[in-house]
Amino acid sequence: MTKRRRRLALAVACVFVATPALAQVIGATPATTEIEQVKPDIDLYALMSGNCSTLKIAGQDFACRAVGYFHSEKGRALFTVALQDPMDNTHVVSFSGANGHRTRENLYELRVDRMLLSSKDRPKADGLPVPMVELSAGVCRQVGNFAARQVSSISCSARDRSGKAYELQFESDGSPITLRIVRQTAPSIRQDPYR
């Protein structure tokens, strides 16, 4: 992976690991209409290098800048794609579902129940766009194995309640994935004694 792609992938990972807004959406249930206040609970993320032969978002074709997988302590998972959009460098979509499972040794499947859509037009929290949640139905399939640090492909297809279609076909360039396990720790910064 080139130095530029690594920095971009790391930036995407930091956005999703550090942003309370995403953690709030991840912790939400399908019946939730408001974003709930919950602590960040991402416990694993993986960044993959390769290319997207197909990336269609609500009928528009895009190229991808980075593809990642995020997993929460509560079982919600996301396949997240940073879009190469010359009009919006914060354009990110996530195929999100709960309780993904391995159907075979090298096949992971995630039932998608919502799409998370971030763009420059969204309200911001901590300076980053808060994703719009679109209840959806679909599936993502990942061929490969995180334990072996190899993912060869990811395919996702979903449709939201208004009929908009979302599609991803990602092929790895063969490089090992970057896998990180995140452990929550107590803050190390002391409170301001003058507050």
Protein backbone atom coordinates (compact mmCIF):
# COMPACT_ATOMS: atom_id res chain seq x y z
CA MET A 1 0.00 0.00 0.00
CA THR A 2 1.42 3.39 -0.90
CA LYS A 3 2.17 5.93 1.80
CA ARG A 4 -0.68 8.17 0.60
CA ARG A 5 -3.21 5.29 0.65
CA ARG A 6 -2.05 4.27 4.13
CA ARG A 7 -2.58 7.81 5.42
CA LEU A 8 -6.00 7.95 3.79
CA ALA A 9 -6.98 4.56 5.20
CA LEU A 10 -5.74 5.57 8.63
CA ALA A 11 -7.73 8.80 8.44
CA VAL A 12 -10.89 6.86 7.60
CA ALA A 13 -10.23 4.48 10.48
CA CYS A 14 -9.63 7.33 12.91
CA VAL A 15 -12.85 9.01 11.84
CA PHE A 16 -14.85 5.92 12.64
CA VAL A 17 -13.01 4.81 15.74
CA ALA A 18 -12.83 8.22 17.35
CA THR A 19 -16.15 9.74 16.35
CA PRO A 20 -18.85 9.54 19.00
CA ALA A 21 -21.45 10.18 16.31
CA LEU A 22 -20.72 6.86 14.63
CA ALA A 23 -20.69 5.03 17.92
CA GLN A 24 -24.08 6.55 18.67
CA VAL A 25 -25.49 5.30 15.38
CA ILE A 26 -23.90 1.87 15.83
CA GLY A 27 -25.53 1.54 19.25
CA ALA A 28 -28.96 2.50 17.89
CA THR A 29 -31.68 -0.09 17.39
CA PRO A 30 -33.90 -0.20 14.28
CA ALA A 31 -36.77 1.35 16.27
CA THR A 32 -34.60 4.29 17.36
CA THR A 33 -35.49 7.56 15.70
CA GLU A 34 -33.02 9.78 17.56
CA ILE A 35 -29.28 9.21 17.84
CA GLU A 36 -28.65 7.74 21.28
CA GLN A 37 -25.87 8.85 23.59
CA VAL A 38 -23.63 5.83 24.09
CA LYS A 39 -19.92 5.35 24.58
CA PRO A 40 -17.83 4.38 21.54
CA ASP A 41 -17.75 0.61 21.32
CA ILE A 42 -15.66 -0.27 18.27
CA ASP A 43 -13.55 -3.26 19.27
CA LEU A 44 -12.00 -4.23 15.92
CA TYR A 45 -11.29 -2.62 12.59
CA ALA A 46 -9.65 -3.86 9.42
CA LEU A 47 -8.40 -1.86 6.45
CA MET A 48 -8.05 -3.47 3.06
CA SER A 49 -6.17 -2.35 -0.02
CA GLY A 50 -7.42 -2.99 -3.51
CA ASN A 51 -10.02 -1.47 -5.79
CA CYS A 52 -13.76 -1.24 -6.20
CA SER A 53 -14.83 -2.54 -9.60
CA THR A 54 -18.39 -1.51 -8.69
CA LEU A 55 -19.52 1.19 -6.30
CA LYS A 56 -23.06 2.46 -6.90
CA ILE A 57 -24.69 4.76 -4.38
CA ALA A 58 -28.35 5.56 -5.05
CA GLY A 59 -27.86 5.15 -8.81
CA GLN A 60 -24.55 7.04 -9.06
CA ASP A 61 -21.23 5.39 -9.90
CA PHE A 62 -18.18 6.21 -7.77
CA ALA A 63 -14.62 5.02 -7.27
CA CYS A 64 -13.45 4.20 -3.76
CA ARG A 65 -10.53 5.66 -1.83
CA ALA A 66 -10.51 3.18 1.06
CA VAL A 67 -12.48 0.18 2.33
CA GLY A 68 -12.69 -0.88 5.95
CA TYR A 69 -14.54 -3.21 8.27
CA PHE A 70 -15.59 -2.13 11.75
CA HIS A 71 -17.06 -4.30 14.50
CA SER A 72 -18.68 -3.16 17.74
CA GLU A 73 -18.77 -4.85 21.14
CA LYS A 74 -22.55 -5.20 20.74
CA GLY A 75 -22.23 -7.22 17.53
CA ARG A 76 -22.99 -4.53 14.94
CA ALA A 77 -20.61 -4.51 11.98
CA LEU A 78 -20.00 -2.14 9.09
CA PHE A 79 -18.32 -2.38 5.73
CA THR A 80 -17.31 1.25 5.23
CA VAL A 81 -16.24 2.88 1.98
CA ALA A 82 -14.66 6.31 1.51
CA LEU A 83 -15.84 7.51 -1.89
CA GLN A 84 -13.61 9.26 -4.37
CA ASP A 85 -15.90 12.24 -4.85
CA PRO A 86 -14.22 15.40 -6.22
CA MET A 87 -17.12 17.49 -4.87
CA ASP A 88 -16.99 16.08 -1.32
CA ASN A 89 -13.93 14.66 0.46
CA THR A 90 -16.10 13.56 3.43
CA HIS A 91 -18.39 11.33 1.34
CA VAL A 92 -18.49 7.98 3.16
CA VAL A 93 -21.05 5.14 3.10
CA SER A 94 -21.38 2.12 5.36
CA PHE A 95 -23.29 -1.11 4.89
CA SER A 96 -24.33 -1.91 8.48
CA GLY A 97 -25.86 -4.96 10.12
CA ALA A 98 -25.94 -6.89 13.36
CA ASN A 99 -24.58 -10.33 14.13
CA GLY A 100 -22.62 -11.21 11.02
CA HIS A 101 -21.42 -14.79 10.88
CA ARG A 102 -18.98 -17.06 9.13
CA THR A 103 -20.88 -19.52 6.93
CA ARG A 104 -17.70 -21.31 5.82
CA GLU A 105 -14.05 -21.01 6.79
CA ASN A 106 -13.37 -18.26 4.25
CA LEU A 107 -16.86 -16.72 3.87
CA TYR A 108 -18.29 -14.09 6.24
CA GLU A 109 -21.85 -12.88 5.72
CA LEU A 110 -23.52 -9.79 7.14
CA ARG A 111 -27.24 -9.09 6.76
CA VAL A 112 -27.51 -5.34 6.10
CA ASP A 113 -30.35 -3.55 7.90
CA ARG A 114 -29.24 0.06 7.40
CA MET A 115 -27.02 2.26 5.31
CA LEU A 116 -25.03 5.06 6.98
CA LEU A 117 -24.47 8.00 4.64
CA SER A 118 -22.00 10.79 5.46
CA SER A 119 -21.37 13.86 3.34
CA LYS A 120 -20.37 17.50 3.65
CA ASP A 121 -24.05 18.50 3.84
CA ARG A 122 -24.72 16.53 7.05
CA PRO A 123 -24.76 18.13 10.51
CA LYS A 124 -21.43 17.83 12.29
CA ALA A 125 -20.40 16.47 15.70
CA ASP A 126 -16.82 17.02 16.83
CA GLY A 127 -16.19 18.55 13.39
CA LEU A 128 -17.19 15.42 11.47
CA PRO A 129 -20.42 14.68 9.55
CA VAL A 130 -23.04 12.71 11.48
CA PRO A 131 -24.17 9.86 9.21
CA MET A 132 -27.75 9.78 7.96
CA VAL A 133 -29.31 6.39 8.71
CA GLU A 134 -31.36 4.78 5.94
CA LEU A 135 -33.16 1.60 7.01
CA SER A 136 -32.33 -0.95 4.31
CA ALA A 137 -32.28 -4.62 3.47
CA GLY A 138 -29.40 -6.46 1.87
CA VAL A 139 -26.30 -8.55 2.40
CA CYS A 140 -22.51 -8.27 2.37
CA ARG A 141 -20.23 -11.22 1.73
CA GLN A 142 -16.52 -11.21 2.45
CA VAL A 143 -14.26 -13.88 1.00
CA GLY A 144 -11.15 -14.30 3.13
CA ASN A 145 -10.16 -14.59 6.74
CA PHE A 146 -9.20 -11.87 9.21
CA ALA A 147 -7.15 -14.30 11.30
CA ALA A 148 -4.97 -15.02 8.25
CA ARG A 149 -5.00 -11.26 7.42
CA GLN A 150 -6.18 -12.01 3.90
CA VAL A 151 -9.40 -10.81 2.27
CA SER A 152 -9.78 -11.42 -1.44
CA SER A 153 -13.16 -9.75 -2.09
CA ILE A 154 -16.18 -8.04 -0.57
CA SER A 155 -19.54 -7.76 -2.26
CA CYS A 156 -22.45 -5.80 -0.80
CA SER A 157 -25.91 -5.11 -2.13
CA ALA A 158 -28.71 -3.27 -0.34
CA ARG A 159 -31.88 -1.32 -1.04
CA ASP A 160 -33.36 1.30 1.27
CA ARG A 161 -37.05 1.83 2.03
CA SER A 162 -37.41 4.41 -0.74
CA GLY A 163 -36.02 1.95 -3.30
CA LYS A 164 -32.52 3.44 -3.68
CA ALA A 165 -29.93 0.77 -4.44
CA TYR A 166 -26.40 0.52 -3.02
CA GLU A 167 -23.80 -1.85 -4.45
CA LEU A 168 -20.14 -2.59 -3.73
CA GLN A 169 -17.76 -5.02 -5.40
CA PHE A 170 -14.25 -4.80 -3.92
CA GLU A 171 -11.24 -6.89 -4.98
CA SER A 172 -8.07 -7.02 -2.90
CA ASP A 173 -4.67 -6.32 -4.39
CA GLY A 174 -3.33 -9.30 -2.39
CA SER A 175 -1.69 -7.25 0.36
CA PRO A 176 -2.28 -8.39 3.94
CA ILE A 177 -5.04 -6.42 5.64
CA THR A 178 -4.31 -4.01 8.47
CA LEU A 179 -6.13 -5.40 11.49
CA ARG A 180 -6.46 -3.59 14.82
CA ILE A 181 -8.13 -4.69 18.02
CA VAL A 182 -9.31 -1.71 20.06
CA ARG A 183 -9.46 -1.87 23.83
CA GLN A 184 -11.34 0.80 25.76
CA THR A 185 -9.34 2.33 28.60
CA ALA A 186 -9.99 5.03 31.16
CA PRO A 187 -9.06 8.54 30.00
CA SER A 188 -5.52 9.58 30.93
CA ILE A 189 -6.25 13.31 30.79
CA ARG A 190 -7.05 14.88 34.15
CA GLN A 191 -10.04 17.15 34.54
CA ASP A 192 -9.36 20.89 34.63
CA PRO A 193 -9.23 21.83 38.35
CA TYR A 194 -10.46 25.36 37.53
CA ARG A 195 -13.81 24.26 36.07
